Protein backbone atom coordinates (compact mmCIF):
# COMPACT_ATOMS: atom_id res chain seq x y z
CA MET A 1 46.27 145.40 113.21
CA ALA A 2 49.82 145.36 111.82
CA ALA A 3 51.08 147.29 114.82
CA GLN A 4 49.20 145.01 117.23
CA LEU A 5 50.58 141.87 115.70
CA GLY A 6 54.10 143.29 115.67
CA GLU A 7 53.93 144.25 119.33
CA GLN A 8 52.36 140.99 120.51
CA HIS A 9 54.67 138.65 118.64
CA GLY A 10 57.86 140.64 118.12
CA ILE A 11 57.69 140.40 114.36
CA ARG A 12 57.81 142.82 111.43
CA VAL A 13 54.46 143.22 109.74
CA GLU A 14 54.05 145.02 106.42
CA TRP A 15 50.81 145.62 104.59
CA ILE A 16 49.48 146.63 101.22
CA ALA A 17 45.94 148.00 100.88
CA ALA A 18 44.14 146.71 97.76
CA ASP A 19 40.69 145.70 96.61
CA LEU A 20 41.37 142.14 95.55
CA ALA A 21 38.20 142.04 93.47
CA ASP A 22 39.63 144.83 91.30
CA ALA A 23 42.07 143.30 88.81
CA ALA A 24 44.04 146.54 88.40
CA GLU A 25 44.62 146.89 92.15
CA ARG A 26 45.33 143.21 92.59
CA ASP A 27 47.83 143.07 89.77
CA ARG A 28 50.04 145.76 91.31
CA ILE A 29 50.68 143.66 94.43
CA PRO A 30 53.54 141.46 93.01
CA GLY A 31 55.42 144.56 91.85
CA GLU A 32 55.07 146.25 95.22
CA ILE A 33 56.37 143.14 97.01
CA ALA A 34 59.32 142.90 94.64
CA ALA A 35 60.08 146.59 95.11
CA ARG A 36 60.44 145.91 98.85
CA GLY A 37 63.00 143.20 98.10
CA GLN A 38 60.77 140.41 99.30
CA VAL A 39 59.50 137.13 97.90
CA VAL A 40 56.36 135.16 98.77
CA ASP A 41 57.16 131.67 100.04
CA LEU A 42 53.79 131.20 101.84
CA LEU A 43 50.55 132.37 100.26
CA VAL A 44 47.30 132.39 102.22
CA ASN A 45 44.21 133.19 100.17
CA ASN A 46 41.75 134.08 102.91
CA ALA A 47 39.80 137.00 101.44
CA GLY A 48 36.16 136.16 100.72
CA ILE A 49 32.56 137.25 101.05
CA GLY A 50 29.23 135.48 101.17
CA THR A 51 25.55 136.16 100.77
CA ASN A 52 22.44 134.44 102.07
CA GLY A 53 19.09 134.21 100.30
CA LEU A 54 17.29 132.70 97.32
CA PHE A 55 19.44 133.33 94.28
CA GLN A 56 16.53 134.70 92.29
CA GLU A 57 15.94 137.37 94.97
CA LEU A 58 19.57 138.53 95.41
CA PRO A 59 21.16 141.39 93.45
CA VAL A 60 23.18 139.68 90.76
CA ALA A 61 25.91 142.33 90.93
CA GLY A 62 26.75 141.15 94.44
CA GLU A 63 26.91 137.51 93.29
CA VAL A 64 29.25 138.43 90.46
CA GLN A 65 31.44 140.44 92.86
CA MET A 66 31.60 137.38 95.09
CA VAL A 67 32.94 135.23 92.29
CA ARG A 68 35.56 137.90 91.45
CA LEU A 69 36.83 137.85 95.02
CA ASN A 70 36.36 134.23 96.11
CA VAL A 71 37.44 132.67 92.80
CA GLU A 72 39.17 135.08 90.44
CA ALA A 73 41.36 136.77 93.04
CA MET A 74 42.46 133.45 94.54
CA LEU A 75 43.36 132.08 91.11
CA ALA A 76 45.18 135.27 90.07
CA LEU A 77 47.27 135.41 93.25
CA CYS A 78 48.23 131.75 92.88
CA GLY A 79 49.24 132.53 89.29
CA ALA A 80 51.33 135.48 90.46
CA PHE A 81 53.32 133.67 93.18
CA VAL A 82 53.25 129.87 92.62
CA PRO A 83 55.61 129.88 89.62
CA GLY A 84 58.29 131.61 91.72
CA MET A 85 57.87 129.02 94.45
CA VAL A 86 58.33 126.25 91.94
CA GLU A 87 61.49 127.91 90.56
CA ARG A 88 62.92 128.09 94.10
CA GLY A 89 61.84 124.51 94.86
CA SER A 90 59.95 125.38 98.03
CA GLY A 91 56.76 127.10 99.18
CA ALA A 92 53.22 126.52 100.33
CA ILE A 93 49.75 127.72 99.48
CA LEU A 94 46.75 127.74 101.81
CA ASN A 95 43.45 128.42 100.04
CA VAL A 96 40.45 128.96 102.30
CA ALA A 97 37.51 126.97 100.91
CA SER A 98 34.59 125.77 103.08
CA VAL A 99 32.66 122.66 104.05
CA SER A 100 30.03 124.21 101.78
CA GLY A 101 32.38 123.42 98.86
CA PHE A 102 31.55 119.74 99.28
CA MET A 103 27.83 120.07 98.63
CA PRO A 104 25.00 122.16 97.21
CA VAL A 105 23.71 124.63 99.83
CA PRO A 106 20.24 126.20 99.86
CA GLN A 107 20.24 130.00 99.85
CA GLN A 108 24.01 130.08 99.32
CA ALA A 109 24.19 128.92 95.70
CA THR A 110 26.97 131.24 94.55
CA TYR A 111 28.96 130.99 97.75
CA ALA A 112 28.91 127.18 97.81
CA ALA A 113 29.86 127.08 94.13
CA SER A 114 32.73 129.51 94.66
CA LYS A 115 34.11 127.40 97.49
CA ALA A 116 33.69 124.22 95.43
CA PHE A 117 35.96 125.89 92.84
CA VAL A 118 38.56 126.74 95.49
CA LEU A 119 38.50 123.18 96.81
CA THR A 120 38.70 121.47 93.42
CA PHE A 121 41.33 123.89 92.16
CA THR A 122 43.51 123.31 95.23
CA GLU A 123 43.18 119.53 95.01
CA SER A 124 44.10 119.66 91.34
CA LEU A 125 46.98 122.03 92.04
CA THR A 126 48.53 119.43 94.39
CA LEU A 127 48.72 117.09 91.40
CA ASP A 128 50.52 119.71 89.30
CA LEU A 129 52.89 120.56 92.11
CA HIS A 130 53.89 116.96 92.90
CA GLY A 131 57.69 116.69 93.15
CA THR A 132 58.28 120.46 93.01
CA GLY A 133 58.80 121.02 96.76
CA VAL A 134 55.69 123.21 96.84
CA THR A 135 52.46 122.14 98.57
CA ALA A 136 48.84 123.32 98.38
CA THR A 137 46.27 122.92 101.11
CA ALA A 138 42.55 123.68 101.12
CA LEU A 139 41.19 124.80 104.48
CA CYS A 140 37.53 123.82 104.71
CA PRO A 141 35.97 125.18 107.86
CA GLY A 142 32.35 124.93 108.75
CA PRO A 143 30.70 127.60 110.89
CA VAL A 144 33.29 129.66 112.82
CA LYS A 145 32.57 131.97 115.73
CA THR A 146 33.15 135.21 113.83
CA GLU A 147 30.94 138.01 112.37
CA PHE A 148 30.72 135.92 109.17
CA ALA A 149 28.56 133.44 111.13
CA GLY A 150 25.60 135.78 110.61
CA LEU A 151 25.12 134.13 107.25
CA ILE A 152 24.20 130.84 108.88
CA GLU A 153 21.77 131.74 111.63
CA GLY A 154 19.97 128.75 113.04
CA MET A 155 22.93 126.35 112.68
CA PRO A 156 23.36 124.16 115.82
CA SER A 157 26.09 125.49 118.12
CA ALA A 158 27.86 122.13 118.00
CA TYR A 159 28.97 122.87 114.43
CA PHE A 160 30.76 126.09 115.38
CA VAL A 161 34.50 126.02 115.88
CA ASP A 162 36.67 128.63 117.65
CA PRO A 163 38.73 130.81 115.26
CA ALA A 164 41.98 130.05 117.11
CA ARG A 165 41.45 126.32 116.63
CA VAL A 166 40.75 126.79 112.92
CA ALA A 167 43.95 128.81 112.54
CA ARG A 168 46.03 126.29 114.47
CA GLU A 169 44.73 123.33 112.51
CA ALA A 170 45.25 125.24 109.26
CA VAL A 171 48.89 125.94 110.09
CA ASP A 172 49.51 122.38 111.26
CA GLY A 173 47.95 121.00 108.09
CA LEU A 174 50.00 123.34 105.97
CA GLU A 175 53.25 122.32 107.66
CA GLN A 176 52.34 118.68 107.16
CA GLY A 177 51.57 119.23 103.45
CA ARG A 178 48.01 117.98 103.81
CA ARG A 179 45.68 118.33 100.84
CA THR A 180 42.63 119.39 102.90
CA VAL A 181 42.00 120.47 106.48
CA ILE A 182 38.51 120.29 107.97
CA PRO A 183 38.41 121.58 111.56
CA GLY A 184 35.84 119.91 113.82
CA ALA A 185 34.54 116.32 113.94
CA LEU A 186 30.96 117.22 112.94
CA ASN A 187 32.24 119.27 110.04
CA LYS A 188 34.29 116.27 108.83
CA VAL A 189 31.13 114.16 108.89
CA ASN A 190 29.22 116.87 107.08
CA ALA A 191 31.89 117.14 104.38
CA VAL A 192 32.03 113.41 103.78
CA SER A 193 28.28 113.07 103.65
CA GLY A 194 27.99 116.13 101.41
CA ARG A 195 30.46 114.74 98.91
CA HIS A 196 29.45 111.08 98.85
CA THR A 197 25.68 111.00 99.54
CA PRO A 198 23.73 110.64 96.25
CA ARG A 199 22.26 113.96 95.24
CA SER A 200 18.83 112.37 94.94
CA VAL A 201 19.02 111.70 98.66
CA PHE A 202 21.01 114.72 99.83
CA MET A 203 19.10 117.53 98.13
CA PRO A 204 15.63 116.80 99.61
CA LEU A 205 17.24 116.59 103.05
CA ALA A 206 19.05 119.90 102.47
CA ARG A 207 15.84 121.62 101.45
CA ARG A 208 14.08 120.31 104.56
CA PHE A 209 16.65 120.77 107.26
CA TRP A 210 19.09 123.49 106.18
CA PRO A 211 18.65 126.68 108.32
CA GLY A 212 17.52 129.85 106.64
C-alpha cells in the first residue's frame, strides 16, 4: 500500500508495523518516529474493530480487545503526540468515531460505547486545546461502503456513503478546524435524533427497527 500511494501521488510514504491494542508495541512508535528525525503534526486515529450480536452471547475477550483498540490506543496516541503539537503551537487530530457514538445501538453495545468515548473525548479535547493552535475533529460516519459494512447488514442503502466522500469531508473538516464531521444528510439526521431524542422514546424504536 505504501508503494502504491507513493507511485500514485508522488509522495514519500513510511510505515511502522505495530499491534495498536498491545501497549508495548504501541509505546515504541514515538521513539521510532523520533529516530527517523520526524515529528507528528497531523494525527489520524483510524484503527478500530467492531462486533455484532447480543452482548451476553459474544466472547468477552473480543469486547475487551475492542476497547483496547478503539479507546485505549486512541487515547494513548493522543497523549504521545498532542503535547508536542501544543509546544510547537500547531497541529491537528482527527479521531474516527461513528454515528453510533451518539446513541445506544442494539447488538453493538461495546462498539457504540467505544465510539461514544471517542466522540466525547474529542469534543472535550477541543476545549482543552482552545487557543493553542491545535485542533481536534471527530469524524462520525454512518455506514460506509467497505468490508466493515458487514456488521450492519439490513441497513437501507440510502444510509451508505462512498469511502472517498467520507475521506474528502474528513480532510475538509479537519482543515476548517471543525469539532465534528458527519458525512451524509441522513446520517446527520440520525446523529441529531440519536443524541436529542429522549431515551424513553428512542430505545423502544431502536429495539423494533434496528437491523440485526
